[in-house]
Amino acid sequence: MTRLQSGITLLESLVALLVLSIGLLGTAHMMATGLKQTNGSFARTQAIYIAENLAERMRANPEGIENMNYAGFDSNTIGDCTNRPAPYCETIGGAEPVACTAAQLAVFDQYQATCGSGGSTNGSNGVKDLLPAGRIQIICEDGVIACTPDSTYTIIVSWNETEQNGAGDQTKTKHVQHKILP
């Protein structure tokens, strides 16, 4: 008398579970990789936004460019974003607007690019807040000594990003550049 099998055996269940587990691990790995790529893309977008914003601020202050008030700036010189520049060239809380000279406006623009609205150690919406190990530099293409009012400027925004390679995760410095001719 032959018996017909009805249902599945324990071994078949374990094999199905193993195949399903491998598939889910592969899916989780793909999602983690996609998330890292998304974070890198977001950081690059923020860096471009910061560089373009500073370039527009520079173009709005031609006297500051002419007097070379932007040349040689490095955001690492601003250690703590709670120390706002004086005068603060923006109205705060309905106060009367402050009239700033071109040099004061250049300092304010550099502070805004670095710290955003400030108020905390890393500020908010500046390169220090939006990007990991964020840094912004303004370089005069003709060099600091030979820089003229007509020189081309390069705004460099850099940040750290973790990349995966065969040996494990590795932190690399990424950057975007934005050139402006006053």
C-alpha atoms as a PDB file:
ATOM      1  CA  MET A   1       0.000   0.000   0.000  1.00  0.00           C
ATOM      2  CA  THR A   2       1.439   3.330  -1.064  1.00  0.00           C
ATOM      3  CA  ARG A   3       1.137   6.379   1.145  1.00  0.00           C
ATOM      4  CA  LEU A   4       0.580   9.753  -0.452  1.00  0.00           C
ATOM      5  CA  GLN A   5       2.434  12.643   1.116  1.00  0.00           C
ATOM      6  CA  SER A   6       0.284  15.460   2.358  1.00  0.00           C
ATOM      7  CA  GLY A   7       1.915  18.691   3.588  1.00  0.00           C
ATOM      8  CA  ILE A   8       5.601  19.601   3.737  1.00  0.00           C
ATOM      9  CA  THR A   9       8.412  18.177   5.780  1.00  0.00           C
ATOM     10  CA  LEU A  10      10.553  20.003   8.302  1.00  0.00           C
ATOM     11  CA  LEU A  11      13.558  19.882   5.957  1.00  0.00           C
ATOM     12  CA  GLU A  12      11.643  21.544   3.138  1.00  0.00           C
ATOM     13  CA  SER A  13      10.496  24.274   5.531  1.00  0.00           C
ATOM     14  CA  LEU A  14      14.060  24.964   6.670  1.00  0.00           C
ATOM     15  CA  VAL A  15      15.333  25.190   3.084  1.00  0.00           C
ATOM     16  CA  ALA A  16      12.546  27.638   2.201  1.00  0.00           C
ATOM     17  CA  LEU A  17      13.387  29.704   5.292  1.00  0.00           C
ATOM     18  CA  LEU A  18      17.073  29.767   4.326  1.00  0.00           C
ATOM     19  CA  VAL A  19      16.302  30.954   0.774  1.00  0.00           C
ATOM     20  CA  LEU A  20      13.961  33.627   2.115  1.00  0.00           C
ATOM     21  CA  SER A  21      16.576  34.806   4.645  1.00  0.00           C
ATOM     22  CA  ILE A  22      19.250  35.169   1.972  1.00  0.00           C
ATOM     23  CA  GLY A  23      16.855  37.159  -0.179  1.00  0.00           C
ATOM     24  CA  LEU A  24      15.936  39.478   2.711  1.00  0.00           C
ATOM     25  CA  LEU A  25      19.619  40.040   3.595  1.00  0.00           C
ATOM     26  CA  GLY A  26      20.339  40.982  -0.006  1.00  0.00           C
ATOM     27  CA  THR A  27      17.424  43.399  -0.008  1.00  0.00           C
ATOM     28  CA  ALA A  28      18.583  44.960   3.277  1.00  0.00           C
ATOM     29  CA  HIS A  29      22.097  45.415   1.874  1.00  0.00           C
ATOM     30  CA  MET A  30      20.725  47.112  -1.242  1.00  0.00           C
ATOM     31  CA  MET A  31      18.608  49.436   0.890  1.00  0.00           C
ATOM     32  CA  ALA A  32      21.611  50.368   3.078  1.00  0.00           C
ATOM     33  CA  THR A  33      23.702  51.100  -0.011  1.00  0.00           C
ATOM     34  CA  GLY A  34      20.901  53.197  -1.480  1.00  0.00           C
ATOM     35  CA  LEU A  35      20.590  55.142   1.761  1.00  0.00           C
ATOM     36  CA  LYS A  36      24.325  55.938   1.759  1.00  0.00           C
ATOM     37  CA  GLN A  37      24.098  57.121  -1.839  1.00  0.00           C
ATOM     38  CA  THR A  38      21.094  59.271  -0.969  1.00  0.00           C
ATOM     39  CA  ASN A  39      22.981  60.851   1.937  1.00  0.00           C
ATOM     40  CA  GLY A  40      25.931  61.599  -0.342  1.00  0.00           C
ATOM     41  CA  SER A  41      23.635  63.161  -2.909  1.00  0.00           C
ATOM     42  CA  PHE A  42      21.931  65.249  -0.225  1.00  0.00           C
ATOM     43  CA  ALA A  43      25.311  66.502   1.058  1.00  0.00           C
ATOM     44  CA  ARG A  44      26.365  67.445  -2.486  1.00  0.00           C
ATOM     45  CA  THR A  45      23.109  69.331  -3.009  1.00  0.00           C
ATOM     46  CA  GLN A  46      23.575  71.230   0.261  1.00  0.00           C
ATOM     47  CA  ALA A  47      27.170  72.094  -0.683  1.00  0.00           C
ATOM     48  CA  ILE A  48      26.062  73.462  -4.064  1.00  0.00           C
ATOM     49  CA  TYR A  49      23.335  75.497  -2.370  1.00  0.00           C
ATOM     50  CA  ILE A  50      25.824  77.006   0.122  1.00  0.00           C
ATOM     51  CA  ALA A  51      28.370  77.845  -2.606  1.00  0.00           C
ATOM     52  CA  GLU A  52      25.752  79.472  -4.845  1.00  0.00           C
ATOM     53  CA  ASN A  53      24.267  81.394  -1.930  1.00  0.00           C
ATOM     54  CA  LEU A  54      27.659  82.826  -1.002  1.00  0.00           C
ATOM     55  CA  ALA A  55      28.381  83.655  -4.651  1.00  0.00           C
ATOM     56  CA  GLU A  56      25.118  85.617  -4.864  1.00  0.00           C
ATOM     57  CA  ARG A  57      25.952  87.435  -1.625  1.00  0.00           C
ATOM     58  CA  MET A  58      29.334  88.365  -3.073  1.00  0.00           C
ATOM     59  CA  ARG A  59      27.755  89.636  -6.289  1.00  0.00           C
ATOM     60  CA  ALA A  60      25.360  91.755  -4.209  1.00  0.00           C
ATOM     61  CA  ASN A  61      28.362  93.408  -2.501  1.00  0.00           C
ATOM     62  CA  PRO A  62      30.585  94.545  -5.418  1.00  0.00           C
ATOM     63  CA  GLU A  63      32.407  97.049  -3.207  1.00  0.00           C
ATOM     64  CA  GLY A  64      33.361  94.198  -0.843  1.00  0.00           C
ATOM     65  CA  ILE A  65      34.772  92.247  -3.799  1.00  0.00           C
ATOM     66  CA  GLU A  66      36.565  95.340  -5.124  1.00  0.00           C
ATOM     67  CA  ASN A  67      38.170  95.898  -1.706  1.00  0.00           C
ATOM     68  CA  MET A  68      39.014  92.149  -1.600  1.00  0.00           C
ATOM     69  CA  ASN A  69      37.129  91.627   1.684  1.00  0.00           C
ATOM     70  CA  TYR A  70      36.235  88.066   0.643  1.00  0.00           C
ATOM     71  CA  ALA A  71      39.684  86.879  -0.530  1.00  0.00           C
ATOM     72  CA  GLY A  72      41.341  84.196   1.566  1.00  0.00           C
ATOM     73  CA  PHE A  73      38.330  83.346   3.747  1.00  0.00           C
ATOM     74  CA  ASP A  74      38.273  79.954   5.495  1.00  0.00           C
ATOM     75  CA  SER A  75      35.298  78.914   7.618  1.00  0.00           C
ATOM     76  CA  ASN A  76      37.648  77.103  10.011  1.00  0.00           C
ATOM     77  CA  THR A  77      38.566  80.543  11.345  1.00  0.00           C
ATOM     78  CA  ILE A  78      35.058  80.784  12.836  1.00  0.00           C
ATOM     79  CA  GLY A  79      35.266  78.455  15.802  1.00  0.00           C
ATOM     80  CA  ASP A  80      31.974  79.046  17.562  1.00  0.00           C
ATOM     81  CA  CYS A  81      28.799  80.222  15.863  1.00  0.00           C
ATOM     82  CA  THR A  82      27.447  81.809  19.060  1.00  0.00           C
ATOM     83  CA  ASN A  83      29.821  84.748  18.517  1.00  0.00           C
ATOM     84  CA  ARG A  84      27.892  86.729  15.929  1.00  0.00           C
ATOM     85  CA  PRO A  85      29.682  89.485  14.032  1.00  0.00           C
ATOM     86  CA  ALA A  86      29.083  93.045  15.158  1.00  0.00           C
ATOM     87  CA  PRO A  87      27.248  94.722  13.638  1.00  0.00           C
ATOM     88  CA  TYR A  88      24.889  91.918  12.683  1.00  0.00           C
ATOM     89  CA  CYS A  89      23.769  93.037   9.219  1.00  0.00           C
ATOM     90  CA  GLU A  90      20.293  91.540   9.477  1.00  0.00           C
ATOM     91  CA  THR A  91      17.180  92.572  11.346  1.00  0.00           C
ATOM     92  CA  ILE A  92      16.516  90.375  14.374  1.00  0.00           C
ATOM     93  CA  GLY A  93      13.131  90.298  16.063  1.00  0.00           C
ATOM     94  CA  GLY A  94      11.699  93.464  14.507  1.00  0.00           C
ATOM     95  CA  ALA A  95      14.657  95.667  15.500  1.00  0.00           C
ATOM     96  CA  GLU A  96      15.727  98.538  13.284  1.00  0.00           C
ATOM     97  CA  PRO A  97      17.872  97.432  10.341  1.00  0.00           C
ATOM     98  CA  VAL A  98      21.587  97.965  10.762  1.00  0.00           C
ATOM     99  CA  ALA A  99      23.535  99.871   8.108  1.00  0.00           C
ATOM    100  CA  CYS A 100      26.739  97.990   7.327  1.00  0.00           C
ATOM    101  CA  THR A 101      29.805  98.946   5.349  1.00  0.00           C
ATOM    102  CA  ALA A 102      30.975  96.728   2.484  1.00  0.00           C
ATOM    103  CA  ALA A 103      33.653  95.181   4.731  1.00  0.00           C
ATOM    104  CA  GLN A 104      31.141  94.492   7.526  1.00  0.00           C
ATOM    105  CA  LEU A 105      28.714  92.985   5.019  1.00  0.00           C
ATOM    106  CA  ALA A 106      31.485  90.694   3.710  1.00  0.00           C
ATOM    107  CA  VAL A 107      32.180  89.468   7.265  1.00  0.00           C
ATOM    108  CA  PHE A 108      28.438  88.948   7.781  1.00  0.00           C
ATOM    109  CA  ASP A 109      28.121  87.030   4.477  1.00  0.00           C
ATOM    110  CA  GLN A 110      31.000  84.742   5.460  1.00  0.00           C
ATOM    111  CA  TYR A 111      29.422  84.174   8.885  1.00  0.00           C
ATOM    112  CA  GLN A 112      26.050  83.353   7.293  1.00  0.00           C
ATOM    113  CA  ALA A 113      27.640  80.822   4.913  1.00  0.00           C
ATOM    114  CA  THR A 114      29.494  79.210   7.812  1.00  0.00           C
ATOM    115  CA  CYS A 115      26.895  79.366  10.591  1.00  0.00           C
ATOM    116  CA  GLY A 116      23.569  80.251   8.996  1.00  0.00           C
ATOM    117  CA  SER A 117      21.543  82.045  11.630  1.00  0.00           C
ATOM    118  CA  GLY A 118      24.042  81.113  14.372  1.00  0.00           C
ATOM    119  CA  GLY A 119      22.992  80.928  17.982  1.00  0.00           C
ATOM    120  CA  SER A 120      24.575  77.537  18.734  1.00  0.00           C
ATOM    121  CA  THR A 121      28.044  76.057  18.463  1.00  0.00           C
ATOM    122  CA  ASN A 122      27.433  74.804  14.906  1.00  0.00           C
ATOM    123  CA  GLY A 123      24.786  77.379  14.002  1.00  0.00           C
ATOM    124  CA  SER A 124      21.883  76.345  11.830  1.00  0.00           C
ATOM    125  CA  ASN A 125      21.648  76.111   8.038  1.00  0.00           C
ATOM    126  CA  GLY A 126      25.321  76.936   7.520  1.00  0.00           C
ATOM    127  CA  VAL A 127      28.127  74.713   6.276  1.00  0.00           C
ATOM    128  CA  LYS A 128      28.986  73.700   9.865  1.00  0.00           C
ATOM    129  CA  ASP A 129      25.443  72.503  10.554  1.00  0.00           C
ATOM    130  CA  LEU A 130      24.444  70.983   7.213  1.00  0.00           C
ATOM    131  CA  LEU A 131      27.573  69.027   6.283  1.00  0.00           C
ATOM    132  CA  PRO A 132      29.720  66.624   8.324  1.00  0.00           C
ATOM    133  CA  ALA A 133      33.066  68.380   8.940  1.00  0.00           C
ATOM    134  CA  GLY A 134      31.812  71.101   6.566  1.00  0.00           C
ATOM    135  CA  ARG A 135      34.203  73.799   5.433  1.00  0.00           C
ATOM    136  CA  ILE A 136      33.988  76.701   3.017  1.00  0.00           C
ATOM    137  CA  GLN A 137      36.911  78.559   1.486  1.00  0.00           C
ATOM    138  CA  ILE A 138      37.135  81.531  -0.868  1.00  0.00           C
ATOM    139  CA  ILE A 139      40.275  81.529  -2.969  1.00  0.00           C
ATOM    140  CA  CYS A 140      41.401  84.341  -5.225  1.00  0.00           C
ATOM    141  CA  GLU A 141      42.639  82.723  -8.438  1.00  0.00           C
ATOM    142  CA  ASP A 142      45.439  85.271  -8.872  1.00  0.00           C
ATOM    143  CA  GLY A 143      46.869  84.503  -5.420  1.00  0.00           C
ATOM    144  CA  VAL A 144      46.546  86.442  -2.198  1.00  0.00           C
ATOM    145  CA  ILE A 145      49.430  88.832  -2.961  1.00  0.00           C
ATOM    146  CA  ALA A 146      48.527  89.574  -6.593  1.00  0.00           C
ATOM    147  CA  CYS A 147      44.748  89.514  -6.090  1.00  0.00           C
ATOM    148  CA  THR A 148      43.005  92.395  -7.857  1.00  0.00           C
ATOM    149  CA  PRO A 149      39.401  93.652  -7.831  1.00  0.00           C
ATOM    150  CA  ASP A 150      38.896  91.916 -11.203  1.00  0.00           C
ATOM    151  CA  SER A 151      40.236  88.516 -10.092  1.00  0.00           C
ATOM    152  CA  THR A 152      38.237  85.326 -10.413  1.00  0.00           C
ATOM    153  CA  TYR A 153      37.232  83.746  -7.108  1.00  0.00           C
ATOM    154  CA  THR A 154      36.697  80.062  -6.398  1.00  0.00           C
ATOM    155  CA  ILE A 155      34.347  79.063  -3.602  1.00  0.00           C
ATOM    156  CA  ILE A 156      35.173  75.571  -2.330  1.00  0.00           C
ATOM    157  CA  VAL A 157      32.739  73.731  -0.055  1.00  0.00           C
ATOM    158  CA  SER A 158      34.092  70.487   1.393  1.00  0.00           C
ATOM    159  CA  TRP A 159      32.735  67.812   3.739  1.00  0.00           C
ATOM    160  CA  ASN A 160      33.497  64.268   4.893  1.00  0.00           C
ATOM    161  CA  GLU A 161      31.656  61.301   3.474  1.00  0.00           C
ATOM    162  CA  THR A 162      31.966  57.617   4.322  1.00  0.00           C
ATOM    163  CA  GLU A 163      32.526  55.287   1.385  1.00  0.00           C
ATOM    164  CA  GLN A 164      32.484  51.518   1.357  1.00  0.00           C
ATOM    165  CA  ASN A 165      35.300  49.579  -0.243  1.00  0.00           C
ATOM    166  CA  GLY A 166      36.560  45.997  -0.041  1.00  0.00           C
ATOM    167  CA  ALA A 167      38.507  46.642   3.191  1.00  0.00           C
ATOM    168  CA  GLY A 168      35.589  48.353   4.971  1.00  0.00           C
ATOM    169  CA  ASP A 169      34.307  51.871   5.391  1.00  0.00           C
ATOM    170  CA  GLN A 170      36.635  54.755   4.589  1.00  0.00           C
ATOM    171  CA  THR A 171      36.069  58.463   5.218  1.00  0.00           C
ATOM    172  CA  LYS A 172      36.911  60.696   2.266  1.00  0.00           C
ATOM    173  CA  THR A 173      36.734  64.441   1.854  1.00  0.00           C
ATOM    174  CA  LYS A 174      34.418  65.509  -0.943  1.00  0.00           C
ATOM    175  CA  HIS A 175      34.078  69.010  -2.354  1.00  0.00           C
ATOM    176  CA  VAL A 176      32.306  71.187  -4.860  1.00  0.00           C
ATOM    177  CA  GLN A 177      33.727  74.308  -6.481  1.00  0.00           C
ATOM    178  CA  HIS A 178      31.950  77.387  -7.735  1.00  0.00           C
ATOM    179  CA  LYS A 179      33.866  80.017  -9.714  1.00  0.00           C
ATOM    180  CA  ILE A 180      32.714  83.616  -9.911  1.00  0.00           C
ATOM    181  CA  LEU A 181      34.038  86.540 -11.879  1.00  0.00           C
ATOM    182  CA  PRO A 182      32.918  89.810 -10.267  1.00  0.00           C
END
